[in-house]
């Protein structure tokens, strides 16, 4: 799903640079190692905008957990 979204965004916005995408397994938010891996990947990518498509309220919880690592980035909860 993430790959298709990235391809569609690239097709519609040719100059867009996509730093990456991730589609975590069910229950990832309760796994400290999985959350740390996501946080590390985000820090490494240094994105300007992060789209979080997990649905309410999970995406808001995940954003709250990771946004401190990227104070310059915009986080957008976009549902599922």
PDB file of N, CA and C in Angstrom:
ATOM      1  N   UNK A   1       0.818  -1.191   0.000  1.00  0.00           N
ATOM      2  CA  UNK A   1       0.000   0.000   0.000  1.00  0.00           C
ATOM      3  C   UNK A   1       0.867   1.262   0.000  1.00  0.00           C
ATOM      4  N   UNK A   2       1.877   1.303   0.834  1.00  0.00           N
ATOM      5  CA  UNK A   2       2.755   2.469   0.893  1.00  0.00           C
ATOM      6  C   UNK A   2       3.487   2.708  -0.410  1.00  0.00           C
ATOM      7  N   UNK A   3       3.923   1.633  -1.031  1.00  0.00           N
ATOM      8  CA  UNK A   3       4.633   1.752  -2.298  1.00  0.00           C
ATOM      9  C   UNK A   3       3.723   2.345  -3.375  1.00  0.00           C
ATOM     10  N   UNK A   4       2.468   1.894  -3.414  1.00  0.00           N
ATOM     11  CA  UNK A   4       1.529   2.430  -4.409  1.00  0.00           C
ATOM     12  C   UNK A   4       1.246   3.902  -4.157  1.00  0.00           C
ATOM     13  N   UNK A   5       1.125   4.290  -2.908  1.00  0.00           N
ATOM     14  CA  UNK A   5       0.899   5.698  -2.582  1.00  0.00           C
ATOM     15  C   UNK A   5       2.101   6.538  -3.003  1.00  0.00           C
ATOM     16  N   UNK A   6       3.300   6.046  -2.751  1.00  0.00           N
ATOM     17  CA  UNK A   6       4.512   6.768  -3.155  1.00  0.00           C
ATOM     18  C   UNK A   6       4.572   6.925  -4.674  1.00  0.00           C
ATOM     19  N   UNK A   7       4.240   5.862  -5.394  1.00  0.00           N
ATOM     20  CA  UNK A   7       4.251   5.925  -6.862  1.00  0.00           C
ATOM     21  C   UNK A   7       3.228   6.929  -7.378  1.00  0.00           C
ATOM     22  N   UNK A   8       2.042   6.947  -6.785  1.00  0.00           N
ATOM     23  CA  UNK A   8       1.006   7.884  -7.216  1.00  0.00           C
ATOM     24  C   UNK A   8       1.419   9.320  -6.947  1.00  0.00           C
ATOM     25  N   UNK A   9       2.017   9.560  -5.785  1.00  0.00           N
ATOM     26  CA  UNK A   9       2.457  10.918  -5.462  1.00  0.00           C
ATOM     27  C   UNK A   9       3.567  11.368  -6.412  1.00  0.00           C
ATOM     28  N   UNK A  10       4.515  10.465  -6.727  1.00  0.00           N
ATOM     29  CA  UNK A  10       5.591  10.795  -7.682  1.00  0.00           C
ATOM     30  C   UNK A  10       5.016  11.114  -9.051  1.00  0.00           C
ATOM     31  N   UNK A  11       4.014  10.362  -9.480  1.00  0.00           N
ATOM     32  CA  UNK A  11       3.413  10.588 -10.794  1.00  0.00           C
ATOM     33  C   UNK A  11       2.710  11.941 -10.848  1.00  0.00           C
ATOM     34  N   UNK A  12       2.055  12.319  -9.759  1.00  0.00           N
ATOM     35  CA  UNK A  12       1.320  13.584  -9.732  1.00  0.00           C
ATOM     36  C   UNK A  12       2.198  14.792  -9.450  1.00  0.00           C
ATOM     37  N   UNK A  13       3.329  14.582  -8.798  1.00  0.00           N
ATOM     38  CA  UNK A  13       4.238  15.678  -8.429  1.00  0.00           C
ATOM     39  C   UNK A  13       5.654  15.268  -8.806  1.00  0.00           C
ATOM     40  N   UNK A  14       6.034  15.457 -10.075  1.00  0.00           N
ATOM     41  CA  UNK A  14       7.301  14.940 -10.598  1.00  0.00           C
ATOM     42  C   UNK A  14       8.558  15.359  -9.821  1.00  0.00           C
ATOM     43  N   UNK A  15       8.593  16.511  -9.213  1.00  0.00           N
ATOM     44  CA  UNK A  15       9.782  16.949  -8.480  1.00  0.00           C
ATOM     45  C   UNK A  15       9.821  16.487  -7.032  1.00  0.00           C
ATOM     46  N   UNK A  16       8.807  15.768  -6.614  1.00  0.00           N
ATOM     47  CA  UNK A  16       8.697  15.337  -5.228  1.00  0.00           C
ATOM     48  C   UNK A  16       9.794  14.338  -4.877  1.00  0.00           C
ATOM     49  N   UNK A  17      10.418  14.539  -3.718  1.00  0.00           N
ATOM     50  CA  UNK A  17      11.408  13.586  -3.208  1.00  0.00           C
ATOM     51  C   UNK A  17      10.766  12.837  -2.041  1.00  0.00           C
ATOM     52  N   UNK A  18      10.668  11.549  -2.173  1.00  0.00           N
ATOM     53  CA  UNK A  18      10.089  10.726  -1.117  1.00  0.00           C
ATOM     54  C   UNK A  18      11.233  10.082  -0.351  1.00  0.00           C
ATOM     55  N   UNK A  19      11.294  10.392   0.946  1.00  0.00           N
ATOM     56  CA  UNK A  19      12.391   9.901   1.786  1.00  0.00           C
ATOM     57  C   UNK A  19      12.205   8.430   2.144  1.00  0.00           C
ATOM     58  N   UNK A  20      10.989   7.926   2.037  1.00  0.00           N
ATOM     59  CA  UNK A  20      10.743   6.529   2.346  1.00  0.00           C
ATOM     60  C   UNK A  20       9.296   6.307   2.738  1.00  0.00           C
ATOM     61  N   UNK A  21       8.969   5.062   2.968  1.00  0.00           N
ATOM     62  CA  UNK A  21       7.639   4.700   3.432  1.00  0.00           C
ATOM     63  C   UNK A  21       7.770   3.418   4.236  1.00  0.00           C
ATOM     64  N   UNK A  22       6.805   3.191   5.089  1.00  0.00           N
ATOM     65  CA  UNK A  22       6.853   2.007   5.945  1.00  0.00           C
ATOM     66  C   UNK A  22       5.431   1.550   6.226  1.00  0.00           C
ATOM     67  N   UNK A  23       5.202   0.275   6.131  1.00  0.00           N
ATOM     68  CA  UNK A  23       3.903  -0.307   6.431  1.00  0.00           C
ATOM     69  C   UNK A  23       4.113  -1.336   7.546  1.00  0.00           C
ATOM     70  N   UNK A  24       3.961  -0.904   8.802  1.00  0.00           N
ATOM     71  CA  UNK A  24       4.277  -1.796   9.927  1.00  0.00           C
ATOM     72  C   UNK A  24       3.220  -2.881  10.131  1.00  0.00           C
ATOM     73  N   UNK A  25       3.610  -3.961  10.796  1.00  0.00           N
ATOM     74  CA  UNK A  25       2.651  -5.042  11.063  1.00  0.00           C
ATOM     75  C   UNK A  25       1.662  -4.641  12.158  1.00  0.00           C
ATOM     76  N   UNK A  26       0.564  -5.335  12.217  1.00  0.00           N
ATOM     77  CA  UNK A  26      -0.443  -5.098  13.236  1.00  0.00           C
ATOM     78  C   UNK A  26       0.190  -5.219  14.623  1.00  0.00           C
ATOM     79  N   UNK A  27      -0.115  -4.276  15.492  1.00  0.00           N
ATOM     80  CA  UNK A  27       0.382  -4.307  16.856  1.00  0.00           C
ATOM     81  C   UNK A  27       1.748  -3.688  17.061  1.00  0.00           C
ATOM     82  N   UNK A  28       2.336  -3.120  16.010  1.00  0.00           N
ATOM     83  CA  UNK A  28       3.686  -2.554  16.109  1.00  0.00           C
ATOM     84  C   UNK A  28       3.808  -1.501  17.203  1.00  0.00           C
ATOM     85  N   UNK A  29       2.727  -0.746  17.444  1.00  0.00           N
ATOM     86  CA  UNK A  29       2.787   0.368  18.386  1.00  0.00           C
ATOM     87  C   UNK A  29       2.981  -0.099  19.829  1.00  0.00           C
ATOM     88  N   UNK A  30       2.747  -1.381  20.088  1.00  0.00           N
ATOM     89  CA  UNK A  30       2.952  -1.946  21.421  1.00  0.00           C
ATOM     90  C   UNK A  30       4.292  -2.661  21.557  1.00  0.00           C
ATOM     91  N   UNK A  31       5.097  -2.631  20.513  1.00  0.00           N
ATOM     92  CA  UNK A  31       6.407  -3.288  20.504  1.00  0.00           C
ATOM     93  C   UNK A  31       7.494  -2.217  20.567  1.00  0.00           C
ATOM     94  N   UNK A  32       8.167  -2.064  21.709  1.00  0.00           N
ATOM     95  CA  UNK A  32       9.182  -1.007  21.844  1.00  0.00           C
ATOM     96  C   UNK A  32      10.276  -1.080  20.779  1.00  0.00           C
ATOM     97  N   UNK A  33      10.708  -2.277  20.408  1.00  0.00           N
ATOM     98  CA  UNK A  33      11.755  -2.405  19.387  1.00  0.00           C
ATOM     99  C   UNK A  33      11.253  -1.928  18.021  1.00  0.00           C
ATOM    100  N   UNK A  34      10.019  -2.263  17.688  1.00  0.00           N
ATOM    101  CA  UNK A  34       9.450  -1.820  16.412  1.00  0.00           C
ATOM    102  C   UNK A  34       9.311  -0.300  16.382  1.00  0.00           C
ATOM    103  N   UNK A  35       8.853   0.272  17.478  1.00  0.00           N
ATOM    104  CA  UNK A  35       8.714   1.737  17.535  1.00  0.00           C
ATOM    105  C   UNK A  35      10.068   2.417  17.453  1.00  0.00           C
ATOM    106  N   UNK A  36      11.079   1.867  18.107  1.00  0.00           N
ATOM    107  CA  UNK A  36      12.414   2.461  18.036  1.00  0.00           C
ATOM    108  C   UNK A  36      12.970   2.371  16.622  1.00  0.00           C
ATOM    109  N   UNK A  37      12.709   1.279  15.927  1.00  0.00           N
ATOM    110  CA  UNK A  37      13.163   1.148  14.537  1.00  0.00           C
ATOM    111  C   UNK A  37      12.506   2.205  13.658  1.00  0.00           C
ATOM    112  N   UNK A  38      11.234   2.462  13.875  1.00  0.00           N
ATOM    113  CA  UNK A  38      10.534   3.499  13.112  1.00  0.00           C
ATOM    114  C   UNK A  38      11.125   4.865  13.429  1.00  0.00           C
ATOM    115  N   UNK A  39      11.336   5.132  14.707  1.00  0.00           N
ATOM    116  CA  UNK A  39      11.912   6.425  15.109  1.00  0.00           C
ATOM    117  C   UNK A  39      13.297   6.612  14.506  1.00  0.00           C
ATOM    118  N   UNK A  40      14.120   5.563  14.513  1.00  0.00           N
ATOM    119  CA  UNK A  40      15.465   5.647  13.941  1.00  0.00           C
ATOM    120  C   UNK A  40      15.411   5.904  12.434  1.00  0.00           C
ATOM    121  N   UNK A  41      14.507   5.228  11.753  1.00  0.00           N
ATOM    122  CA  UNK A  41      14.368   5.429  10.305  1.00  0.00           C
ATOM    123  C   UNK A  41      13.930   6.855   9.993  1.00  0.00           C
ATOM    124  N   UNK A  42      13.007   7.381  10.776  1.00  0.00           N
ATOM    125  CA  UNK A  42      12.562   8.760  10.565  1.00  0.00           C
ATOM    126  C   UNK A  42      13.698   9.752  10.820  1.00  0.00           C
ATOM    127  N   UNK A  43      14.434   9.561  11.900  1.00  0.00           N
ATOM    128  CA  UNK A  43      15.563  10.458  12.186  1.00  0.00           C
ATOM    129  C   UNK A  43      16.580  10.421  11.056  1.00  0.00           C
ATOM    130  N   UNK A  44      16.850   9.234  10.547  1.00  0.00           N
ATOM    131  CA  UNK A  44      17.824   9.072   9.467  1.00  0.00           C
ATOM    132  C   UNK A  44      17.360   9.741   8.177  1.00  0.00           C
ATOM    133  N   UNK A  45      16.073   9.633   7.871  1.00  0.00           N
ATOM    134  CA  UNK A  45      15.534  10.195   6.627  1.00  0.00           C
ATOM    135  C   UNK A  45      15.411  11.715   6.679  1.00  0.00           C
ATOM    136  N   UNK A  46      15.271  12.283   7.874  1.00  0.00           N
ATOM    137  CA  UNK A  46      15.109  13.731   8.050  1.00  0.00           C
ATOM    138  C   UNK A  46      14.023  14.316   7.141  1.00  0.00           C
ATOM    139  N   UNK A  47      12.813  13.790   7.199  1.00  0.00           N
ATOM    140  CA  UNK A  47      11.749  14.276   6.303  1.00  0.00           C
ATOM    141  C   UNK A  47      11.233  15.647   6.730  1.00  0.00           C
ATOM    142  N   UNK A  48      10.652  16.350   5.767  1.00  0.00           N
ATOM    143  CA  UNK A  48       9.980  17.620   6.048  1.00  0.00           C
ATOM    144  C   UNK A  48       8.519  17.384   6.397  1.00  0.00           C
ATOM    145  N   UNK A  49       7.920  16.362   5.783  1.00  0.00           N
ATOM    146  CA  UNK A  49       6.515  16.031   5.995  1.00  0.00           C
ATOM    147  C   UNK A  49       6.408  14.519   6.204  1.00  0.00           C
ATOM    148  N   UNK A  50       5.635  14.122   7.212  1.00  0.00           N
ATOM    149  CA  UNK A  50       5.410  12.706   7.485  1.00  0.00           C
ATOM    150  C   UNK A  50       3.895  12.465   7.453  1.00  0.00           C
ATOM    151  N   UNK A  51       3.456  11.619   6.527  1.00  0.00           N
ATOM    152  CA  UNK A  51       2.049  11.227   6.460  1.00  0.00           C
ATOM    153  C   UNK A  51       1.874   9.960   7.292  1.00  0.00           C
ATOM    154  N   UNK A  52       0.924   9.968   8.196  1.00  0.00           N
ATOM    155  CA  UNK A  52       0.675   8.816   9.056  1.00  0.00           C
ATOM    156  C   UNK A  52      -0.762   8.350   8.782  1.00  0.00           C
ATOM    157  N   UNK A  53      -0.873   7.179   8.172  1.00  0.00           N
ATOM    158  CA  UNK A  53      -2.191   6.672   7.758  1.00  0.00           C
ATOM    159  C   UNK A  53      -2.531   5.418   8.545  1.00  0.00           C
ATOM    160  N   UNK A  54      -2.929   5.602   9.792  1.00  0.00           N
ATOM    161  CA  UNK A  54      -3.246   4.467  10.652  1.00  0.00           C
ATOM    162  C   UNK A  54      -4.670   4.511  11.189  1.00  0.00           C
ATOM    163  N   UNK A  55      -5.364   5.577  10.977  1.00  0.00           N
ATOM    164  CA  UNK A  55      -6.701   5.716  11.536  1.00  0.00           C
ATOM    165  C   UNK A  55      -6.662   6.286  12.934  1.00  0.00           C
ATOM    166  N   UNK A  56      -7.784   6.823  13.344  1.00  0.00           N
ATOM    167  CA  UNK A  56      -7.919   7.437  14.662  1.00  0.00           C
ATOM    168  C   UNK A  56      -8.270   6.362  15.683  1.00  0.00           C
ATOM    169  N   UNK A  57      -7.690   6.351  16.835  1.00  0.00           N
ATOM    170  CA  UNK A  57      -6.731   7.294  17.410  1.00  0.00           C
ATOM    171  C   UNK A  57      -5.280   6.818  17.310  1.00  0.00           C
ATOM    172  N   UNK A  58      -5.052   5.667  16.638  1.00  0.00           N
ATOM    173  CA  UNK A  58      -3.691   5.121  16.590  1.00  0.00           C
ATOM    174  C   UNK A  58      -2.695   6.090  15.971  1.00  0.00           C
ATOM    175  N   UNK A  59      -3.067   6.739  14.862  1.00  0.00           N
ATOM    176  CA  UNK A  59      -2.098   7.627  14.213  1.00  0.00           C
ATOM    177  C   UNK A  59      -1.734   8.797  15.113  1.00  0.00           C
ATOM    178  N   UNK A  60      -2.669   9.304  15.881  1.00  0.00           N
ATOM    179  CA  UNK A  60      -2.372  10.413  16.777  1.00  0.00           C
ATOM    180  C   UNK A  60      -1.432   9.963  17.894  1.00  0.00           C
ATOM    181  N   UNK A  61      -1.612   8.751  18.381  1.00  0.00           N
ATOM    182  CA  UNK A  61      -0.715   8.215  19.412  1.00  0.00           C
ATOM    183  C   UNK A  61       0.697   8.042  18.869  1.00  0.00           C
ATOM    184  N   UNK A  62       0.803   7.494  17.662  1.00  0.00           N
ATOM    185  CA  UNK A  62       2.122   7.286  17.062  1.00  0.00           C
ATOM    186  C   UNK A  62       2.793   8.631  16.792  1.00  0.00           C
ATOM    187  N   UNK A  63       2.062   9.587  16.261  1.00  0.00           N
ATOM    188  CA  UNK A  63       2.629  10.916  16.017  1.00  0.00           C
ATOM    189  C   UNK A  63       3.154  11.498  17.320  1.00  0.00           C
ATOM    190  N   UNK A  64       2.379  11.389  18.386  1.00  0.00           N
ATOM    191  CA  UNK A  64       2.805  11.927  19.678  1.00  0.00           C
ATOM    192  C   UNK A  64       4.115  11.281  20.137  1.00  0.00           C
ATOM    193  N   UNK A  65       4.288   9.992  19.861  1.00  0.00           N
ATOM    194  CA  UNK A  65       5.496   9.282  20.278  1.00  0.00           C
ATOM    195  C   UNK A  65       6.733   9.651  19.473  1.00  0.00           C
ATOM    196  N   UNK A  66       6.575  10.017  18.211  1.00  0.00           N
ATOM    197  CA  UNK A  66       7.754  10.233  17.357  1.00  0.00           C
ATOM    198  C   UNK A  66       8.039  11.698  17.009  1.00  0.00           C
ATOM    199  N   UNK A  67       7.094  12.584  17.200  1.00  0.00           N
ATOM    200  CA  UNK A  67       7.293  13.959  16.718  1.00  0.00           C
ATOM    201  C   UNK A  67       8.418  14.694  17.434  1.00  0.00           C
ATOM    202  N   UNK A  68       8.731  14.326  18.660  1.00  0.00           N
ATOM    203  CA  UNK A  68       9.831  14.972  19.369  1.00  0.00           C
ATOM    204  C   UNK A  68      11.179  14.742  18.713  1.00  0.00           C
ATOM    205  N   UNK A  69      11.306  13.658  17.951  1.00  0.00           N
ATOM    206  CA  UNK A  69      12.556  13.358  17.254  1.00  0.00           C
ATOM    207  C   UNK A  69      12.754  14.233  16.023  1.00  0.00           C
ATOM    208  N   UNK A  70      11.676  14.818  15.525  1.00  0.00           N
ATOM    209  CA  UNK A  70      11.729  15.612  14.291  1.00  0.00           C
ATOM    210  C   UNK A  70      10.951  16.917  14.476  1.00  0.00           C
ATOM    211  N   UNK A  71      11.461  17.821  15.293  1.00  0.00           N
ATOM    212  CA  UNK A  71      10.703  19.046  15.566  1.00  0.00           C
ATOM    213  C   UNK A  71      10.494  19.932  14.338  1.00  0.00           C
ATOM    214  N   UNK A  72      11.313  19.757  13.300  1.00  0.00           N
ATOM    215  CA  UNK A  72      11.180  20.566  12.095  1.00  0.00           C
ATOM    216  C   UNK A  72      10.149  20.016  11.126  1.00  0.00           C
ATOM    217  N   UNK A  73       9.705  18.787  11.335  1.00  0.00           N
ATOM    218  CA  UNK A  73       8.818  18.118  10.376  1.00  0.00           C
ATOM    219  C   UNK A  73       7.346  18.385  10.690  1.00  0.00           C
ATOM    220  N   UNK A  74       6.547  18.342   9.636  1.00  0.00           N
ATOM    221  CA  UNK A  74       5.086  18.392   9.770  1.00  0.00           C
ATOM    222  C   UNK A  74       4.586  16.961   9.775  1.00  0.00           C
ATOM    223  N   UNK A  75       3.710  16.633  10.704  1.00  0.00           N
ATOM    224  CA  UNK A  75       3.094  15.316  10.761  1.00  0.00           C
ATOM    225  C   UNK A  75       1.619  15.466  10.414  1.00  0.00           C
ATOM    226  N   UNK A  76       1.172  14.654   9.460  1.00  0.00           N
ATOM    227  CA  UNK A  76      -0.218  14.707   9.015  1.00  0.00           C
ATOM    228  C   UNK A  76      -0.871  13.340   9.189  1.00  0.00           C
ATOM    229  N   UNK A  77      -1.895  13.282  10.021  1.00  0.00           N
ATOM    230  CA  UNK A  77      -2.679  12.067  10.148  1.00  0.00           C
ATOM    231  C   UNK A  77      -3.704  12.042   9.034  1.00  0.00           C
ATOM    232  N   UNK A  78      -3.587  11.048   8.156  1.00  0.00           N
ATOM    233  CA  UNK A  78      -4.440  11.017   6.968  1.00  0.00           C
ATOM    234  C   UNK A  78      -5.390   9.820   6.943  1.00  0.00           C
ATOM    235  N   UNK A  79      -5.576   9.168   8.087  1.00  0.00           N
ATOM    236  CA  UNK A  79      -6.506   8.052   8.140  1.00  0.00           C
ATOM    237  C   UNK A  79      -5.986   6.828   7.432  1.00  0.00           C
ATOM    238  N   UNK A  80      -6.874   5.898   7.179  1.00  0.00           N
ATOM    239  CA  UNK A  80      -6.464   4.641   6.542  1.00  0.00           C
ATOM    240  C   UNK A  80      -6.794   4.699   5.072  1.00  0.00           C
TER     241      UNK A  80
END
